[in-house]
Protein backbone atom coordinates (compact mmCIF):
# COMPACT_ATOMS: atom_id res chain seq x y z
CA MET A 1 -23.58 13.18 24.14
CA PHE A 2 -21.35 10.26 23.13
CA PHE A 3 -21.35 6.56 23.99
CA ILE A 4 -19.67 3.35 22.84
CA ASN A 5 -21.98 1.46 20.51
CA GLN A 6 -21.49 -2.28 20.01
CA GLY A 7 -22.54 -4.32 17.01
CA THR A 8 -24.83 -7.23 17.79
CA GLY A 9 -26.22 -10.11 15.83
CA PRO A 10 -24.63 -11.65 12.74
CA LEU A 11 -22.23 -9.60 10.63
CA VAL A 12 -23.67 -8.11 7.45
CA GLU A 13 -20.46 -9.15 5.72
CA PRO A 14 -17.73 -11.45 7.07
CA THR A 15 -14.32 -10.08 7.92
CA ALA A 16 -11.37 -10.98 5.70
CA PHE A 17 -9.56 -12.77 8.56
CA GLU A 18 -10.26 -15.11 11.46
CA ASP A 19 -10.39 -13.80 15.04
CA ALA A 20 -6.94 -15.24 15.77
CA GLU A 21 -5.36 -12.98 13.13
CA PHE A 22 -6.83 -9.83 14.66
CA GLU A 23 -5.87 -11.02 18.14
CA ARG A 24 -2.27 -11.49 16.94
CA ARG A 25 -2.20 -7.96 15.54
CA LEU A 26 -3.63 -6.45 18.71
CA ALA A 27 -1.18 -8.33 20.95
CA GLY A 28 1.76 -7.21 18.82
CA THR A 29 0.61 -3.60 18.82
CA ARG A 30 0.19 -3.65 22.60
CA ALA A 31 3.69 -5.05 23.01
CA LEU A 32 5.13 -2.19 20.96
CA MET A 33 3.05 0.28 22.98
CA ALA A 34 4.47 -1.17 26.19
CA GLU A 35 8.03 -0.77 24.87
CA GLN A 36 7.33 2.94 24.38
CA GLY A 37 5.53 3.34 27.70
CA LEU A 38 2.20 4.14 26.09
CA ASP A 39 -1.10 3.65 27.90
CA ALA A 40 -3.10 4.26 24.72
CA LEU A 41 -2.59 4.74 21.00
CA VAL A 42 -4.74 6.80 18.62
CA CYS A 43 -4.60 5.81 14.94
CA PHE A 44 -6.04 7.73 11.99
CA ALA A 45 -4.86 6.03 8.78
CA PRO A 46 -7.56 3.91 7.09
CA GLU A 47 -4.96 1.16 6.60
CA ASN A 48 -4.39 0.96 10.35
CA LEU A 49 -8.09 0.98 11.23
CA TYR A 50 -8.55 -1.87 8.78
CA TYR A 51 -5.53 -3.73 10.17
CA LEU A 52 -6.60 -3.46 13.81
CA THR A 53 -10.39 -3.70 13.58
CA GLY A 54 -11.42 -4.69 10.03
CA HIS A 55 -13.23 -1.37 9.49
CA ASP A 56 -13.35 -0.86 5.72
CA THR A 57 -14.79 2.12 3.86
CA PRO A 58 -13.69 4.75 1.32
CA GLY A 59 -15.44 7.33 3.54
CA TYR A 60 -12.27 8.32 5.39
CA TYR A 61 -12.48 11.81 3.95
CA TRP A 62 -14.38 12.40 7.19
CA TYR A 63 -12.40 12.19 10.43
CA GLN A 64 -11.91 8.70 11.79
CA ALA A 65 -9.78 7.32 14.61
CA CYS A 66 -9.09 4.08 16.45
CA VAL A 67 -8.17 4.07 20.15
CA VAL A 68 -6.14 1.10 21.40
CA THR A 69 -5.50 0.43 25.10
CA HIS A 70 -4.02 -2.47 27.04
CA ASP A 71 -7.26 -3.73 28.57
CA HIS A 72 -10.05 -3.00 26.10
CA LEU A 73 -10.82 -3.99 22.54
CA PRO A 74 -10.02 -1.22 20.01
CA VAL A 75 -12.75 1.38 19.67
CA ASN A 76 -13.27 3.41 16.49
CA VAL A 77 -14.48 7.01 16.35
CA ILE A 78 -16.44 7.27 13.12
CA ARG A 79 -18.97 9.47 11.40
CA LYS A 80 -22.39 7.95 12.13
CA LEU A 81 -23.10 7.11 8.48
CA GLU A 82 -19.78 5.25 8.16
CA ALA A 83 -20.07 3.61 11.60
CA THR A 84 -22.19 0.90 9.97
CA ASN A 85 -18.92 -0.49 8.60
CA THR A 86 -17.58 -1.02 12.12
CA LEU A 87 -20.85 -2.37 13.50
CA GLY A 88 -21.72 -4.58 10.54
CA ARG A 89 -18.45 -5.88 9.11
CA SER A 90 -15.52 -5.52 11.48
CA TRP A 91 -13.83 -7.62 14.14
CA SER A 92 -14.08 -5.34 17.19
CA ARG A 93 -17.56 -3.95 16.36
CA LEU A 94 -17.08 -1.09 18.87
CA VAL A 95 -17.60 2.51 17.79
CA VAL A 96 -18.24 6.01 19.07
CA GLU A 97 -20.45 7.63 16.45
CA TYR A 98 -20.58 11.35 15.79
CA GLU A 99 -23.24 13.19 13.84
CA ASP A 100 -22.26 15.46 10.98
CA VAL A 101 -22.93 18.49 13.20
CA GLN A 102 -20.84 17.12 16.08
CA ASP A 103 -17.12 17.55 16.76
CA PRO A 104 -15.18 14.30 16.19
CA VAL A 105 -12.25 15.59 18.23
CA ALA A 106 -14.59 16.03 21.20
CA ALA A 107 -15.81 12.47 20.61
CA THR A 108 -12.21 11.19 20.70
CA LEU A 109 -11.39 13.08 23.90
CA TRP A 110 -14.58 11.73 25.48
CA LEU A 111 -13.57 8.18 24.55
CA LEU A 112 -10.10 8.61 26.09
CA GLN A 113 -11.79 9.78 29.27
CA ASP A 114 -14.30 6.93 29.24
CA LEU A 115 -11.52 4.35 28.82
CA GLY A 116 -9.63 5.88 31.74
CA VAL A 117 -6.54 6.94 29.82
CA ALA A 118 -7.15 10.65 29.20
CA GLY A 119 -4.61 11.71 31.85
CA LYS A 120 -1.94 9.21 30.84
CA ARG A 121 0.70 8.78 28.15
CA ILE A 122 -1.08 8.61 24.79
CA GLY A 123 0.63 7.90 21.51
CA TYR A 124 -0.67 9.19 18.18
CA GLU A 125 0.19 8.57 14.56
CA SER A 126 2.50 11.45 13.75
CA GLU A 127 2.88 10.59 10.05
CA THR A 128 -0.50 10.33 8.35
CA PHE A 129 -2.44 11.94 5.53
CA PHE A 130 -5.59 11.95 7.58
CA LEU A 131 -5.21 14.35 10.53
CA THR A 132 -5.44 18.10 9.98
CA PRO A 133 -3.25 20.54 11.94
CA ASN A 134 -6.37 21.97 13.56
CA GLN A 135 -7.54 18.54 14.72
CA PHE A 136 -4.08 17.71 16.04
CA ASP A 137 -3.84 20.96 18.00
CA ARG A 138 -7.20 20.37 19.66
CA LEU A 139 -6.41 16.74 20.49
CA ARG A 140 -3.04 17.70 21.99
CA ASP A 141 -4.57 20.53 23.99
CA GLY A 142 -7.44 18.33 25.18
CA VAL A 143 -5.10 15.59 26.37
CA ALA A 144 -2.90 18.16 28.14
CA LYS A 145 -5.94 19.68 29.84
CA ALA A 146 -6.80 16.22 31.21
CA GLY A 147 -3.26 15.91 32.59
CA GLY A 148 -2.02 13.53 29.91
CA THR A 149 0.85 13.56 27.42
CA PHE A 150 0.35 13.31 23.64
CA VAL A 151 3.37 11.57 22.12
CA GLY A 152 4.17 11.19 18.42
CA THR A 153 4.67 7.53 17.50
CA PRO A 154 5.62 7.21 13.83
CA ALA A 155 5.21 3.76 12.30
CA LEU A 156 4.12 1.85 15.41
CA VAL A 157 1.30 -0.12 13.80
CA GLU A 158 3.24 0.00 10.54
CA THR A 159 6.02 -2.00 12.23
CA MET A 160 3.49 -4.79 12.64
CA ARG A 161 2.07 -4.30 9.14
CA SER A 162 5.47 -4.51 7.42
CA VAL A 163 5.72 -8.27 8.08
CA LYS A 164 2.77 -10.13 6.58
CA SER A 165 1.18 -13.26 7.99
CA GLU A 166 0.33 -16.26 5.83
CA PRO A 167 -3.35 -15.22 5.51
CA GLU A 168 -2.21 -11.78 4.29
CA LEU A 169 0.28 -13.29 1.85
CA ALA A 170 -2.46 -15.49 0.42
CA TYR A 171 -4.40 -12.38 -0.67
CA ILE A 172 -1.28 -10.88 -2.27
CA ARG A 173 -0.59 -14.11 -4.16
CA ARG A 174 -4.18 -14.11 -5.40
CA GLY A 175 -3.67 -10.56 -6.62
CA GLY A 176 -0.66 -11.71 -8.64
CA LYS A 177 -2.76 -14.27 -10.51
CA ILE A 178 -5.33 -11.60 -11.30
CA LEU A 179 -2.61 -9.25 -12.54
CA ALA A 180 -1.19 -11.79 -14.98
CA LYS A 181 -4.60 -12.08 -16.67
CA ALA A 182 -5.21 -8.31 -16.70
CA MET A 183 -1.75 -7.57 -18.11
CA ALA A 184 -2.18 -10.14 -20.87
CA ALA A 185 -5.58 -8.70 -21.77
CA GLY A 186 -4.11 -5.20 -21.94
CA PHE A 187 -1.52 -6.18 -24.51
CA GLU A 188 -3.94 -8.35 -26.50
CA VAL A 189 -6.19 -5.38 -27.25
CA ALA A 190 -3.32 -2.95 -28.02
CA GLY A 191 -2.27 -2.03 -31.55
CA GLU A 192 -2.14 0.69 -34.21
CA GLY A 193 -5.21 2.92 -34.06
CA VAL A 194 -6.30 1.67 -30.62
CA THR A 195 -6.83 4.25 -27.88
CA GLU A 196 -5.24 4.06 -24.47
CA ARG A 197 -8.76 4.34 -23.08
CA ALA A 198 -9.79 1.11 -24.82
CA VAL A 199 -6.84 -0.72 -23.30
CA ALA A 200 -7.55 0.67 -19.81
CA ALA A 201 -11.20 -0.35 -20.12
CA ARG A 202 -10.19 -3.92 -20.91
CA VAL A 203 -7.56 -4.06 -18.16
CA ASN A 204 -9.96 -2.81 -15.51
CA GLU A 205 -12.73 -5.07 -16.77
CA VAL A 206 -10.50 -8.09 -16.21
CA LEU A 207 -9.26 -6.86 -12.84
CA ILE A 208 -12.79 -6.52 -11.51
CA ALA A 209 -14.10 -9.70 -13.12
CA GLU A 210 -11.24 -11.75 -11.70
CA GLY A 211 -11.66 -10.50 -8.13
CA SER A 212 -9.88 -7.18 -7.58
CA CYS A 213 -11.55 -4.45 -5.55
CA TYR A 214 -10.69 -0.78 -6.16
CA GLN A 215 -6.98 -0.04 -5.99
CA GLY A 216 -4.99 2.49 -4.01
CA LEU A 217 -3.95 4.14 -7.29
CA PRO A 218 -5.46 3.94 -10.77
CA THR A 219 -4.09 1.87 -13.62
CA PHE A 220 -1.09 3.68 -15.11
CA LEU A 221 -0.99 3.41 -18.87
CA GLY A 222 0.91 5.50 -21.38
CA THR A 223 1.97 5.14 -25.02
CA GLY A 224 4.45 6.91 -27.29
CA PRO A 225 5.93 9.88 -25.40
CA ARG A 226 3.36 9.80 -22.58
CA PRO A 227 5.14 7.29 -20.26
CA ALA A 228 7.69 10.06 -19.66
CA LEU A 229 4.94 11.84 -17.73
CA ALA A 230 5.17 10.37 -14.24
CA HIS A 231 2.14 8.30 -13.25
CA SER A 232 0.26 9.04 -16.46
CA THR A 233 -3.15 7.43 -16.72
CA TRP A 234 -5.04 6.59 -19.91
CA SER A 235 -6.05 9.18 -22.50
CA ASP A 236 -7.75 9.18 -25.91
CA ARG A 237 -4.37 9.02 -27.67
CA LEU A 238 -4.25 6.60 -30.60
CA MET A 239 -1.34 4.16 -30.64
CA GLY A 240 0.94 4.33 -33.67
CA LYS A 241 3.66 2.19 -35.18
CA GLY A 242 6.87 2.32 -33.16
CA ASP A 243 5.14 3.46 -29.96
CA ALA A 244 6.45 2.17 -26.65
CA LEU A 245 3.71 0.94 -24.31
CA ALA A 246 4.09 1.23 -20.54
CA TYR A 247 1.58 -0.52 -18.26
CA GLU A 248 1.78 -0.38 -14.48
CA ILE A 249 -1.16 -2.24 -12.98
CA SER A 250 -2.18 -3.26 -9.48
CA ALA A 251 -4.77 -5.63 -8.12
CA SER A 252 -6.25 -5.29 -4.65
CA VAL A 253 -7.67 -8.35 -2.91
CA GLU A 254 -9.25 -7.64 0.48
CA ARG A 255 -7.31 -4.35 0.33
CA TYR A 256 -3.94 -6.12 -0.16
CA THR A 257 -1.96 -4.84 -3.15
CA CYS A 258 0.06 -6.68 -5.74
CA ALA A 259 1.56 -4.66 -8.62
CA MET A 260 3.38 -5.21 -11.91
CA PHE A 261 5.06 -2.99 -14.55
CA ARG A 262 5.57 -4.24 -18.11
CA MET A 263 6.60 -2.71 -21.42
CA GLY A 264 5.51 -3.27 -25.00
CA VAL A 265 6.13 -1.94 -28.50
CA VAL A 266 3.85 -1.47 -31.49
CA GLY A 267 6.11 -3.03 -34.12
CA GLN A 268 9.71 -4.12 -33.65
CA PRO A 269 11.75 -2.52 -30.83
CA SER A 270 15.04 -0.80 -31.65
CA ASP A 271 18.42 -2.13 -30.60
CA ASP A 272 18.78 0.77 -28.13
CA TYR A 273 15.41 -0.07 -26.59
CA LEU A 274 16.39 -3.74 -26.21
CA ARG A 275 19.70 -2.77 -24.60
CA LYS A 276 17.86 -0.71 -22.01
CA MET A 277 15.36 -3.51 -21.40
CA ASP A 278 18.27 -5.92 -20.82
CA ALA A 279 19.72 -3.54 -18.23
CA CYS A 280 16.39 -3.39 -16.41
CA LYS A 281 16.13 -7.19 -16.43
CA ALA A 282 19.66 -7.50 -15.06
CA ALA A 283 18.87 -5.05 -12.27
CA LEU A 284 15.66 -6.92 -11.45
CA HIS A 285 17.55 -10.22 -11.33
CA ALA A 286 20.16 -8.70 -9.01
CA ILE A 287 17.46 -7.42 -6.66
CA LEU A 288 15.56 -10.71 -6.60
CA THR A 289 18.69 -12.76 -5.91
CA THR A 290 20.10 -10.39 -3.26
CA ALA A 291 16.98 -9.77 -1.19
CA ARG A 292 16.35 -12.17 1.69
CA ASP A 293 15.77 -12.20 5.43
CA GLY A 294 18.51 -10.26 7.27
CA VAL A 295 19.79 -8.20 4.31
CA THR A 296 19.45 -4.43 4.48
CA ALA A 297 17.34 -2.44 2.04
CA GLY A 298 20.48 -0.50 1.12
CA GLU A 299 22.29 -3.70 0.12
CA VAL A 300 19.41 -4.65 -2.18
CA PHE A 301 19.45 -1.17 -3.74
CA ALA A 302 23.21 -1.40 -4.26
CA ALA A 303 22.87 -4.73 -6.09
CA GLY A 304 20.25 -3.37 -8.48
CA ASN A 305 22.11 -0.13 -9.00
CA LYS A 306 25.38 -1.97 -9.74
CA ALA A 307 23.64 -3.92 -12.50
CA PHE A 308 22.69 -0.63 -14.18
CA LEU A 309 26.23 0.71 -13.82
CA ASP A 310 27.72 -2.49 -15.21
CA ALA A 311 25.41 -2.18 -18.23
CA GLY A 312 26.71 1.32 -18.90
CA PHE A 313 23.89 3.39 -17.39
CA ASN A 314 24.27 5.82 -14.54
CA ASP A 315 21.85 5.92 -11.66
CA GLY A 316 20.48 9.41 -12.40
CA LEU A 317 18.92 10.88 -9.30
CA GLY A 318 19.31 7.73 -7.22
CA ARG A 319 15.63 6.84 -7.34
CA ARG A 320 14.51 4.08 -4.97
CA LEU A 321 14.26 0.63 -6.54
CA GLY A 322 11.22 -0.66 -4.70
CA TYR A 323 8.88 -0.20 -1.78
CA SER A 324 6.82 -2.21 0.66
CA VAL A 325 3.24 -3.10 -0.32
CA GLY A 326 0.34 -4.47 1.69
CA ILE A 327 -2.90 -2.86 2.83
CA SER A 328 -3.70 0.14 0.66
CA TYR A 329 -6.32 2.82 0.25
CA PRO A 330 -6.17 5.85 -2.05
CA PRO A 331 -4.09 7.96 -2.42
CA ASP A 332 -1.38 5.28 -2.58
CA TRP A 333 -0.92 1.57 -3.18
CA GLY A 334 2.50 1.43 -1.51
CA GLU A 335 3.95 1.39 1.98
CA GLY A 336 7.21 3.14 1.14
CA HIS A 337 6.89 5.21 4.30
CA ILE A 338 7.41 1.96 6.23
CA ILE A 339 10.37 0.62 4.26
CA ASP A 340 11.67 1.04 0.73
CA LEU A 341 14.70 -0.05 -1.24
CA ARG A 342 16.81 3.08 -1.28
CA ARG A 343 20.47 4.02 -1.24
CA ASP A 344 22.27 3.38 2.07
CA SER A 345 19.13 2.38 3.96
CA GLU A 346 20.03 0.33 7.04
CA LYS A 347 16.52 -1.02 7.52
CA VAL A 348 16.65 -4.83 7.66
CA LEU A 349 14.45 -7.00 5.47
CA LYS A 350 12.49 -9.67 7.31
CA LYS A 351 10.79 -12.86 6.25
CA GLY A 352 7.21 -12.03 5.28
CA MET A 353 7.89 -8.51 4.04
CA VAL A 354 6.53 -7.77 0.55
CA PHE A 355 8.00 -5.33 -1.98
CA HIS A 356 7.05 -4.01 -5.39
CA THR A 357 10.51 -3.72 -6.92
CA THR A 358 10.71 -1.34 -9.88
CA PRO A 359 14.15 -1.05 -11.50
CA GLY A 360 13.85 1.27 -14.48
CA LEU A 361 15.59 3.83 -16.64
CA ILE A 362 13.85 7.18 -16.47
CA TYR A 363 14.78 10.02 -18.79
CA PHE A 364 12.57 12.80 -17.54
CA GLY A 365 10.34 14.23 -20.23
CA HIS A 366 11.69 11.82 -22.83
CA GLU A 367 11.49 8.09 -22.08
CA VAL A 368 10.71 5.54 -19.39
CA ILE A 369 11.67 1.86 -19.53
CA ASN A 370 10.69 -0.10 -16.45
CA ILE A 371 9.79 -3.64 -15.41
CA SER A 372 8.77 -4.84 -11.99
CA GLN A 373 7.75 -7.74 -9.80
CA THR A 374 6.05 -8.02 -6.45
CA MET A 375 8.19 -10.21 -4.22
CA ILE A 376 7.83 -11.82 -0.80
CA ILE A 377 10.97 -11.96 1.34
CA THR A 378 11.78 -15.50 2.47
CA GLN A 379 14.43 -16.96 4.75
CA THR A 380 16.71 -17.74 1.81
CA GLY A 381 15.58 -15.42 -0.97
CA THR A 382 12.41 -14.17 -2.61
CA GLU A 383 9.12 -15.49 -3.91
CA VAL A 384 7.72 -13.66 -6.93
CA THR A 385 3.95 -13.30 -6.68
CA THR A 386 3.33 -11.77 -10.11
CA GLY A 387 3.49 -15.13 -11.87
CA ASP A 388 5.46 -16.02 -14.97
CA PHE A 389 4.30 -13.16 -17.19
CA PRO A 390 7.29 -12.49 -19.53
CA LEU A 391 9.78 -9.77 -18.66
CA ASP A 392 10.59 -8.99 -22.29
CA ALA A 393 8.82 -6.18 -24.10
CA VAL A 394 5.58 -7.45 -25.65
CA VAL A 395 5.47 -6.88 -29.41
CA VAL A 396 1.96 -5.96 -30.61
């Protein structure tokens, strides 16, 4: 019923990385598996399939999985239509295809049996958007029936993903250059009587023209009172004099995210607005100068939060002040589930980690003032990837 299919001949499309990069990732994942006594690992998140095998498609609304063992290249379990993306443009090029009328869980259990690990200790991603309770129950029961153990392994591959290699960082840096152009274009077209939709159209035009693929989240763009609506996207609202403009934009290069938040005003900003912007800039500066290899996420949060307190603003609900970014597919562009900059977090920052840091003042239902940078953690500090686009509110 099922078999392992292998891609042959030249790739339809080259992978984003050299073989050595995928080999590094596989070796690191296997080492973490060995630490946990795992004979196999089953992944479901599209980010992890991309990381381990190069499989890339938005068709993950159908079941997909990747099985990793210690003595075999990773094998994907993919709907037959989408399997072309493993066979024609991935590193491993190994896939078990299932027809639309076939059971993908049965295909996964067959693969575990074929690889000789069905009766052993098998880890699975226990924190993912992409495995239903029904599928989990049947996988667990199938592994148990074969005499094996199904073990939850949160953030195993994510531990590898949290620290980026130089080839990965190169894509994020490229995204920062794209963002600077898209952000500038978005403010150039803004003004009285201009719709949010017109601005979003220009921003996305530049993103695509300059090299961004589709992002994990849409462009966030609000004017007047609308930024107070969390994650508001563009509407047909006309900008008016005195309106605050809030743009949060991401670029995705080879699925690697870089993001930036900037503010603007139609006309001259008020003194109160400028005071709040200064507080956000101070908090951003504190974060960028505190973060480095070996510092905890909680220490970075505390530095940013102290800057707000020193400026006379309280910390409200204690919102996080940043989150990891890297590979992303909808519905998110962040990796906050791996590590984020939150109060009292004892997770340690490491050289090569990347964060979108977003210190802002949020008055729910009333006003949002926020600025951000994407930063790479270095041995001695941070490298900002979002270029030299001004932090001050843009006056249009």
